[in-house]
């Protein structure tokens, strides 16, 4: 270690100061642990700071808050706690033994932690990942970038806009652009159903007469220095463009809302096993990974619909990290959780079967009047409608645990009622 490099030890280090990280850090401090939150931005709150629309906090606070209001509730509590907050600080490297090197405004800092919670959030998929052909003009950007430009910097990035993808960010930015005087000429979705929450489809598109083109995608981009237009084409059942269906649309801004991907670099760096489905870590009911003492939570594990759920996961991961750091043994997650019929994935992927837990899953196809159940038991949760765009979250209670005690694995399945 360089003689100019400082060092310290903490019970828990939380990487990421968004809603998941703030919840994990606050819970750790409330339970008496020495906690540090490392955040690369100049303020806590993460994505909440640019989400000025309301709808946050219904489950946590019982009222609708804007993103900044929700963040302020937590930052105020953290400010009154013992949490050591390090802003404008970057993690340069992290080891499986939970030691790390930080780049702070005051230089390098070596930190040793008993437990680490990775609450690094997610990133938006780029144009390169979905391989849209055409030129490379300015005026093509992720929807979240446009949201930041408008809400935090007061800059309108375009006046005639098309949105590719019906994810929640794309739906919400369509409404926001309309409020700012831009013309949103349409939203395209390659699937034959919207991928965002139904309430956002109604409130952000239908209420403003913005067309939604299902089973369509952008197949060309026009312009050299600045975007001039796009080609919109229908796709077949294999999601391939149908020849002869292309329609040219004049726009000066194309926003991409084509999905989020967990930020998994630190999980990879520390040797954590990742899920092929979620691209986040495989975790147990305490959000501990298969590297002891390294936990994940929030969108770094899987992409969630509600910030309230992200926060709940942060609390749970904080509880787990406190137990691990305090040498309290967590139950051994010996039972596999399997995604069965019509299920894309389930989180957690492993459980002990000793503690009640909350599970989250996404289905493969839209269905009506279904039971979400654990195979081989009478544990069942009825849902009138399920779609891949809306996450299903339920609790396996203490009473349920007695029914599944003898199972070696939990296979969740979704079946329609006759």
Protein backbone atom coordinates (compact mmCIF):
# COMPACT_ATOMS: atom_id res chain seq x y z
CA UNK A 1 0.00 0.00 0.00
CA UNK A 2 1.28 3.48 -0.89
CA UNK A 3 2.39 5.43 2.18
CA UNK A 4 0.04 8.25 1.16
CA UNK A 5 -2.98 5.95 1.02
CA UNK A 6 -5.24 6.02 4.05
CA UNK A 7 -7.04 2.95 5.37
CA UNK A 8 -9.93 2.12 7.66
CA UNK A 9 -12.27 -0.70 8.64
CA UNK A 10 -16.08 -0.85 8.64
CA UNK A 11 -18.64 -3.46 9.59
CA UNK A 12 -20.62 -2.86 6.38
CA UNK A 13 -19.81 -0.98 3.19
CA UNK A 14 -22.73 -0.23 0.89
CA UNK A 15 -21.78 0.59 -2.70
CA UNK A 16 -24.45 2.81 -4.23
CA UNK A 17 -26.51 5.56 -2.63
CA UNK A 18 -29.80 5.08 -4.45
CA UNK A 19 -32.98 3.82 -2.77
CA UNK A 20 -31.67 0.27 -2.24
CA UNK A 21 -28.33 1.42 -0.87
CA UNK A 22 -29.83 4.05 1.41
CA UNK A 23 -32.26 1.49 2.85
CA UNK A 24 -29.49 -1.08 3.43
CA UNK A 25 -27.18 1.48 5.01
CA UNK A 26 -29.85 2.95 7.23
CA UNK A 27 -30.98 -0.48 8.45
CA UNK A 28 -27.39 -1.41 9.25
CA UNK A 29 -26.85 1.73 11.28
CA UNK A 30 -30.16 1.28 13.11
CA UNK A 31 -28.96 -2.14 14.24
CA UNK A 32 -25.69 -0.76 15.60
CA UNK A 33 -23.27 -1.56 12.78
CA UNK A 34 -20.55 0.81 11.56
CA UNK A 35 -21.72 1.55 8.02
CA UNK A 36 -20.21 3.42 5.09
CA UNK A 37 -22.17 4.32 1.94
CA UNK A 38 -20.06 4.93 -1.15
CA UNK A 39 -21.74 7.03 -3.85
CA UNK A 40 -20.10 8.27 -7.06
CA UNK A 41 -22.56 11.16 -7.51
CA UNK A 42 -22.44 14.44 -5.59
CA UNK A 43 -25.63 13.57 -3.67
CA UNK A 44 -27.53 10.55 -2.41
CA UNK A 45 -30.75 9.44 -4.08
CA UNK A 46 -29.60 7.90 -7.35
CA UNK A 47 -32.20 7.84 -10.11
CA UNK A 48 -34.81 9.27 -7.74
CA UNK A 49 -33.32 12.74 -8.15
CA UNK A 50 -34.37 12.96 -11.79
CA UNK A 51 -37.79 11.33 -11.37
CA UNK A 52 -39.86 14.42 -10.56
CA UNK A 53 -43.18 12.64 -11.20
CA UNK A 54 -45.14 11.23 -8.29
CA UNK A 55 -46.13 7.64 -7.53
CA UNK A 56 -43.31 6.73 -5.14
CA UNK A 57 -43.79 5.74 -1.51
CA UNK A 58 -47.30 4.30 -1.54
CA UNK A 59 -46.21 1.06 0.16
CA UNK A 60 -43.46 2.51 2.37
CA UNK A 61 -45.09 5.76 3.47
CA UNK A 62 -48.74 5.30 2.51
CA UNK A 63 -48.73 8.39 0.28
CA UNK A 64 -47.61 9.38 -3.21
CA UNK A 65 -44.31 11.25 -3.35
CA UNK A 66 -42.11 12.51 -6.14
CA UNK A 67 -38.69 10.92 -6.56
CA UNK A 68 -36.80 13.80 -4.91
CA UNK A 69 -39.31 13.85 -2.03
CA UNK A 70 -38.84 10.11 -1.51
CA UNK A 71 -35.05 10.51 -1.58
CA UNK A 72 -35.22 13.42 0.88
CA UNK A 73 -37.05 11.28 3.45
CA UNK A 74 -34.14 8.84 3.45
CA UNK A 75 -31.31 11.36 3.20
CA UNK A 76 -32.71 13.18 6.22
CA UNK A 77 -32.75 9.96 8.24
CA UNK A 78 -29.23 9.07 7.10
CA UNK A 79 -28.04 12.56 8.02
CA UNK A 80 -29.26 11.98 11.56
CA UNK A 81 -27.71 8.50 11.76
CA UNK A 82 -24.15 7.25 12.24
CA UNK A 83 -23.74 6.29 8.56
CA UNK A 84 -20.43 7.47 7.08
CA UNK A 85 -21.46 8.84 3.65
CA UNK A 86 -18.73 9.23 1.02
CA UNK A 87 -19.96 11.24 -1.99
CA UNK A 88 -18.14 11.81 -5.28
CA UNK A 89 -16.27 8.60 -4.46
CA UNK A 90 -15.50 5.75 -6.83
CA UNK A 91 -14.70 2.10 -6.18
CA UNK A 92 -11.53 1.37 -8.15
CA UNK A 93 -11.27 -2.30 -7.21
CA UNK A 94 -12.93 -4.84 -4.95
CA UNK A 95 -11.72 -8.21 -3.71
CA UNK A 96 -13.65 -11.35 -2.67
CA UNK A 97 -12.38 -10.80 0.90
CA UNK A 98 -14.45 -7.56 0.88
CA UNK A 99 -11.49 -5.21 0.81
CA UNK A 100 -11.63 -2.36 -1.70
CA UNK A 101 -9.80 0.67 -2.99
CA UNK A 102 -11.75 3.92 -3.21
CA UNK A 103 -10.92 7.11 -5.09
CA UNK A 104 -12.19 9.96 -2.95
CA UNK A 105 -11.96 13.74 -3.38
CA UNK A 106 -9.08 13.57 -0.88
CA UNK A 107 -7.16 10.73 -2.53
CA UNK A 108 -7.04 6.95 -2.30
CA UNK A 109 -8.67 5.10 0.57
CA UNK A 110 -8.27 1.40 1.39
CA UNK A 111 -11.28 -0.06 3.18
CA UNK A 112 -11.75 -3.44 4.82
CA UNK A 113 -15.34 -4.53 5.45
CA UNK A 114 -16.90 -7.45 7.26
CA UNK A 115 -19.83 -7.37 4.80
CA UNK A 116 -20.49 -5.57 1.52
CA UNK A 117 -23.87 -4.65 0.01
CA UNK A 118 -23.72 -3.94 -3.72
CA UNK A 119 -26.61 -1.61 -4.54
CA UNK A 120 -25.22 -0.39 -7.84
CA UNK A 121 -28.53 -0.22 -9.70
CA UNK A 122 -28.93 -0.76 -13.42
CA UNK A 123 -28.02 0.78 -16.75
CA UNK A 124 -30.07 1.25 -19.90
CA UNK A 125 -29.42 -0.96 -22.89
CA UNK A 126 -27.75 0.95 -25.71
CA UNK A 127 -28.39 1.22 -29.43
CA UNK A 128 -25.42 -1.04 -30.05
CA UNK A 129 -26.94 -3.83 -27.97
CA UNK A 130 -30.12 -3.89 -30.07
CA UNK A 131 -28.28 -3.32 -33.37
CA UNK A 132 -30.33 -0.63 -35.08
CA UNK A 133 -28.79 0.02 -38.52
CA UNK A 134 -28.27 3.45 -40.06
CA UNK A 135 -26.12 6.51 -39.44
CA UNK A 136 -24.80 7.82 -36.15
CA UNK A 137 -26.29 11.32 -35.89
CA UNK A 138 -26.84 13.22 -32.68
CA UNK A 139 -30.40 12.99 -31.40
CA UNK A 140 -30.36 9.26 -30.52
CA UNK A 141 -30.12 8.60 -26.78
CA UNK A 142 -31.45 6.48 -23.89
CA UNK A 143 -34.74 7.69 -22.43
CA UNK A 144 -33.14 8.08 -19.00
CA UNK A 145 -30.57 10.48 -20.41
CA UNK A 146 -33.35 12.64 -21.85
CA UNK A 147 -35.11 12.54 -18.47
CA UNK A 148 -31.96 13.82 -16.75
CA UNK A 149 -31.47 16.58 -19.34
CA UNK A 150 -35.04 17.84 -18.93
CA UNK A 151 -35.62 17.39 -15.20
CA UNK A 152 -32.19 18.23 -13.78
CA UNK A 153 -30.58 20.47 -16.38
CA UNK A 154 -33.56 22.24 -17.94
CA UNK A 155 -32.61 21.28 -21.49
CA UNK A 156 -35.10 20.09 -24.11
CA UNK A 157 -33.21 17.60 -26.34
CA UNK A 158 -35.75 17.52 -29.20
CA UNK A 159 -39.04 18.88 -30.47
CA UNK A 160 -40.39 16.04 -32.60
CA UNK A 161 -39.79 12.76 -30.83
CA UNK A 162 -40.20 9.02 -31.33
CA UNK A 163 -39.70 6.51 -28.49
CA UNK A 164 -38.55 2.95 -29.11
CA UNK A 165 -39.65 0.60 -26.34
CA UNK A 166 -42.62 0.74 -23.98
CA UNK A 167 -40.67 0.40 -20.75
CA UNK A 168 -41.71 2.62 -17.85
CA UNK A 169 -38.95 5.17 -18.39
CA UNK A 170 -39.95 5.58 -22.04
CA UNK A 171 -43.62 5.93 -21.16
CA UNK A 172 -42.99 8.52 -18.47
CA UNK A 173 -40.59 10.57 -20.61
CA UNK A 174 -43.21 10.62 -23.39
CA UNK A 175 -45.60 12.41 -21.06
CA UNK A 176 -42.84 14.67 -19.73
CA UNK A 177 -41.83 15.76 -23.25
CA UNK A 178 -45.45 16.48 -24.09
CA UNK A 179 -45.73 18.71 -21.02
CA UNK A 180 -42.64 20.59 -22.19
CA UNK A 181 -44.18 21.29 -25.60
CA UNK A 182 -42.48 18.62 -27.71
CA UNK A 183 -44.52 16.45 -30.06
CA UNK A 184 -44.20 12.74 -29.31
CA UNK A 185 -45.31 11.20 -32.61
CA UNK A 186 -45.37 7.64 -31.32
CA UNK A 187 -44.00 4.81 -29.20
CA UNK A 188 -43.01 1.45 -30.72
CA UNK A 189 -42.77 -1.90 -28.94
CA UNK A 190 -41.30 -5.00 -30.59
CA UNK A 191 -43.45 -7.30 -28.43
CA UNK A 192 -47.19 -7.63 -28.99
CA UNK A 193 -47.89 -6.20 -25.51
CA UNK A 194 -46.56 -3.19 -23.57
CA UNK A 195 -43.56 -3.91 -21.33
CA UNK A 196 -44.21 -1.10 -18.83
CA UNK A 197 -46.82 -0.91 -16.11
CA UNK A 198 -50.37 -0.71 -17.43
CA UNK A 199 -51.05 2.42 -15.37
CA UNK A 200 -48.18 4.17 -17.17
CA UNK A 201 -49.53 3.12 -20.57
CA UNK A 202 -52.85 4.73 -19.67
CA UNK A 203 -51.59 7.83 -17.88
CA UNK A 204 -48.64 8.60 -20.17
CA UNK A 205 -49.85 7.55 -23.62
CA UNK A 206 -53.63 7.12 -23.79
CA UNK A 207 -54.33 10.30 -21.81
CA UNK A 208 -52.27 12.31 -24.31
CA UNK A 209 -53.32 10.50 -27.49
CA UNK A 210 -49.78 9.24 -28.14
CA UNK A 211 -49.93 6.24 -30.51
CA UNK A 212 -48.50 2.90 -29.31
CA UNK A 213 -47.30 0.66 -32.16
CA UNK A 214 -47.12 -2.92 -30.89
CA UNK A 215 -45.11 -5.51 -32.87
CA UNK A 216 -43.08 -2.70 -34.45
CA UNK A 217 -39.46 -1.58 -34.28
CA UNK A 218 -37.09 0.98 -35.77
CA UNK A 219 -35.24 -0.48 -38.75
CA UNK A 220 -33.28 2.54 -39.99
CA UNK A 221 -31.99 5.89 -38.81
CA UNK A 222 -31.56 8.88 -41.13
CA UNK A 223 -29.27 11.86 -40.77
CA UNK A 224 -25.58 12.70 -40.66
CA UNK A 225 -24.88 15.43 -38.10
CA UNK A 226 -28.40 15.54 -36.64
CA UNK A 227 -31.17 12.97 -36.70
CA UNK A 228 -33.60 13.61 -39.57
CA UNK A 229 -35.92 10.65 -39.28
CA UNK A 230 -36.44 6.94 -38.72
CA UNK A 231 -38.01 3.98 -40.48
CA UNK A 232 -40.68 2.13 -38.48
CA UNK A 233 -41.43 -1.46 -39.54
CA UNK A 234 -43.79 -4.17 -38.37
CA UNK A 235 -42.24 -7.40 -37.08
CA UNK A 236 -43.40 -10.99 -37.45
CA UNK A 237 -43.88 -13.63 -34.75
CA UNK A 238 -40.12 -14.17 -34.70
CA UNK A 239 -39.62 -10.41 -34.09
CA UNK A 240 -38.03 -9.97 -37.52
CA UNK A 241 -38.95 -6.94 -39.67
CA UNK A 242 -41.57 -7.67 -42.30
CA UNK A 243 -40.38 -6.55 -45.72
CA UNK A 244 -42.47 -3.84 -47.30
CA UNK A 245 -43.98 -2.56 -44.03
CA UNK A 246 -41.45 0.21 -43.41
CA UNK A 247 -42.74 3.75 -42.92
CA UNK A 248 -40.49 6.83 -42.78
CA UNK A 249 -41.18 9.28 -39.95
CA UNK A 250 -39.55 12.70 -39.62
CA UNK A 251 -38.17 13.23 -36.10
CA UNK A 252 -35.24 15.06 -34.51
CA UNK A 253 -35.02 12.87 -31.40
CA UNK A 254 -35.16 9.07 -30.99
CA UNK A 255 -35.30 7.83 -27.42
CA UNK A 256 -34.43 4.24 -26.53
CA UNK A 257 -36.40 2.60 -23.73
CA UNK A 258 -35.35 -0.94 -24.55
CA UNK A 259 -34.74 -2.38 -21.13
CA UNK A 260 -32.47 -2.12 -18.10
CA UNK A 261 -29.55 -4.38 -17.21
CA UNK A 262 -28.19 -4.83 -13.66
CA UNK A 263 -24.80 -3.22 -13.08
CA UNK A 264 -22.92 -6.42 -12.36
CA UNK A 265 -19.24 -5.48 -12.76
CA UNK A 266 -18.38 -5.71 -9.06
CA UNK A 267 -20.22 -9.02 -8.76
CA UNK A 268 -18.06 -10.32 -11.60
CA UNK A 269 -14.90 -8.88 -10.08
CA UNK A 270 -15.48 -10.68 -6.79
CA UNK A 271 -16.38 -14.02 -8.39
CA UNK A 272 -20.11 -13.98 -7.64
CA UNK A 273 -22.22 -16.37 -9.74
CA UNK A 274 -24.65 -14.52 -12.01
CA UNK A 275 -28.08 -15.59 -13.24
CA UNK A 276 -28.41 -16.05 -17.00
CA UNK A 277 -31.99 -14.79 -16.78
CA UNK A 278 -31.62 -11.65 -14.67
CA UNK A 279 -27.91 -10.92 -15.36
CA UNK A 280 -27.68 -10.06 -11.68
CA UNK A 281 -26.31 -12.28 -8.90
CA UNK A 282 -27.91 -15.47 -7.67
CA UNK A 283 -29.05 -14.66 -4.12
CA UNK A 284 -30.76 -16.24 -1.15
CA UNK A 285 -33.65 -14.86 0.91
CA UNK A 286 -31.26 -12.42 2.66
CA UNK A 287 -29.88 -11.29 -0.71
CA UNK A 288 -26.52 -12.87 0.07
CA UNK A 289 -24.62 -14.11 -2.99
CA UNK A 290 -22.59 -17.30 -3.18
CA UNK A 291 -19.52 -15.34 -2.02
CA UNK A 292 -20.01 -15.16 1.77
CA UNK A 293 -20.52 -11.65 3.07
CA UNK A 294 -21.27 -10.08 -0.30
CA UNK A 295 -24.90 -9.06 -0.70
CA UNK A 296 -26.87 -7.47 -3.53
CA UNK A 297 -30.17 -5.61 -3.55
CA UNK A 298 -32.46 -3.57 -5.74
CA UNK A 299 -31.95 -3.32 -9.48
CA UNK A 300 -28.42 -4.68 -9.23
CA UNK A 301 -30.05 -8.08 -8.55
CA UNK A 302 -33.00 -7.87 -10.95
CA UNK A 303 -35.05 -5.10 -12.52
CA UNK A 304 -37.94 -4.13 -10.27
CA UNK A 305 -41.09 -2.15 -11.00
CA UNK A 306 -41.45 -0.07 -7.84
CA UNK A 307 -38.95 1.89 -5.78
CA UNK A 308 -40.86 0.73 -2.68
CA UNK A 309 -39.93 -2.86 -3.51
CA UNK A 310 -36.32 -1.85 -4.13
CA UNK A 311 -36.33 -0.25 -0.68
CA UNK A 312 -37.77 -3.36 0.97
CA UNK A 313 -35.00 -5.43 -0.59
CA UNK A 314 -32.46 -2.93 0.74
CA UNK A 315 -33.82 -3.34 4.27
CA UNK A 316 -33.64 -7.13 3.94
CA UNK A 317 -30.07 -7.05 2.60
CA UNK A 318 -29.13 -4.68 5.43
CA UNK A 319 -30.49 -7.15 7.97
CA UNK A 320 -28.50 -9.94 6.35
CA UNK A 321 -25.31 -7.89 6.26
CA UNK A 322 -25.67 -6.97 9.95
CA UNK A 323 -26.08 -10.62 10.89
CA UNK A 324 -23.05 -11.66 8.83
CA UNK A 325 -20.86 -8.82 10.09
CA UNK A 326 -21.85 -9.65 13.66
CA UNK A 327 -20.97 -13.32 13.18
CA UNK A 328 -24.59 -14.37 13.57
CA UNK A 329 -24.99 -17.35 11.29
CA UNK A 330 -27.56 -16.98 8.54
CA UNK A 331 -29.56 -20.11 7.64
CA UNK A 332 -27.94 -22.25 4.97
CA UNK A 333 -29.83 -21.76 1.66
CA UNK A 334 -29.94 -25.42 0.68
CA UNK A 335 -33.20 -25.39 -1.28
CA UNK A 336 -33.21 -24.39 -4.95
CA UNK A 337 -35.96 -22.07 -6.21
CA UNK A 338 -36.99 -23.11 -9.71
CA UNK A 339 -38.83 -21.09 -12.34
CA UNK A 340 -41.43 -23.52 -13.63
CA UNK A 341 -44.27 -23.28 -16.13
CA UNK A 342 -44.71 -19.83 -17.76
CA UNK A 343 -42.16 -18.19 -15.44
CA UNK A 344 -39.09 -16.35 -16.73
CA UNK A 345 -37.31 -16.08 -13.39
CA UNK A 346 -37.82 -16.06 -9.63
CA UNK A 347 -35.81 -14.17 -7.01
CA UNK A 348 -34.42 -15.38 -4.63
CA UNK A 349 -32.96 -18.38 -6.40
CA UNK A 350 -32.04 -20.19 -3.18
CA UNK A 351 -33.69 -20.30 0.24
CA UNK A 352 -33.18 -22.05 3.55
CA UNK A 353 -36.84 -22.82 4.13
CA UNK A 354 -36.39 -21.68 7.73
CA UNK A 355 -37.35 -18.01 7.43
CA UNK A 356 -40.37 -16.33 5.79
CA UNK A 357 -39.38 -14.58 2.60
CA UNK A 358 -40.73 -12.36 -0.16
CA UNK A 359 -40.36 -13.64 -3.70
CA UNK A 360 -40.57 -11.79 -6.99
CA UNK A 361 -41.13 -13.29 -10.41
CA UNK A 362 -41.88 -12.39 -14.00
CA UNK A 363 -44.01 -14.51 -16.28
CA UNK A 364 -43.18 -15.48 -19.85
CA UNK A 365 -46.54 -14.65 -21.46
CA UNK A 366 -49.63 -12.62 -20.54
CA UNK A 367 -52.39 -14.69 -18.92
CA UNK A 368 -55.70 -14.10 -17.18
CA UNK A 369 -57.17 -15.71 -14.04
CA UNK A 370 -54.09 -17.60 -12.90
CA UNK A 371 -52.70 -19.18 -9.77
CA UNK A 372 -49.07 -18.64 -8.83
CA UNK A 373 -48.23 -21.69 -6.79
CA UNK A 374 -45.43 -23.79 -5.34
CA UNK A 375 -45.57 -27.20 -6.98
CA UNK A 376 -46.49 -30.05 -4.69
CA UNK A 377 -48.17 -27.84 -2.08
CA UNK A 378 -51.46 -26.01 -1.64
CA UNK A 379 -49.65 -22.65 -1.42
CA UNK A 380 -51.23 -20.48 -4.09
CA UNK A 381 -51.68 -16.81 -4.98
CA UNK A 382 -54.47 -15.79 -7.38
CA UNK A 383 -53.95 -13.03 -9.95
CA UNK A 384 -56.57 -11.81 -12.40
CA UNK A 385 -53.98 -10.71 -14.97
CA UNK A 386 -50.23 -11.37 -15.27
CA UNK A 387 -47.92 -9.92 -17.91
CA UNK A 388 -44.12 -9.95 -18.38
CA UNK A 389 -44.14 -6.17 -17.93
CA UNK A 390 -45.43 -6.34 -14.35
CA UNK A 391 -43.52 -8.11 -11.61
CA UNK A 392 -45.45 -10.36 -9.25
CA UNK A 393 -44.47 -10.09 -5.60
CA UNK A 394 -45.82 -12.31 -2.82
CA UNK A 395 -44.88 -13.47 0.67
CA UNK A 396 -44.16 -17.01 1.81
CA UNK A 397 -45.36 -16.78 5.40
CA UNK A 398 -44.30 -18.58 8.55
CA UNK A 399 -47.40 -20.79 8.26
CA UNK A 400 -46.45 -21.65 4.66
CA UNK A 401 -42.98 -22.80 5.74
CA UNK A 402 -44.45 -25.77 7.61
CA UNK A 403 -45.99 -26.96 4.33
CA UNK A 404 -42.72 -26.85 2.40
CA UNK A 405 -40.32 -28.05 5.08
CA UNK A 406 -39.79 -31.43 3.45
CA UNK A 407 -39.31 -30.10 -0.09
CA UNK A 408 -35.78 -30.21 -1.48
CA UNK A 409 -36.62 -27.52 -4.00
CA UNK A 410 -39.32 -24.91 -4.54
CA UNK A 411 -40.73 -24.94 -8.05
CA UNK A 412 -42.99 -21.99 -8.77
CA UNK A 413 -45.49 -22.30 -11.58
CA UNK A 414 -48.22 -20.15 -13.10
CA UNK A 415 -51.34 -21.93 -14.36
CA UNK A 416 -54.65 -20.65 -15.62
CA UNK A 417 -57.86 -21.62 -13.87
CA UNK A 418 -60.24 -23.75 -15.89
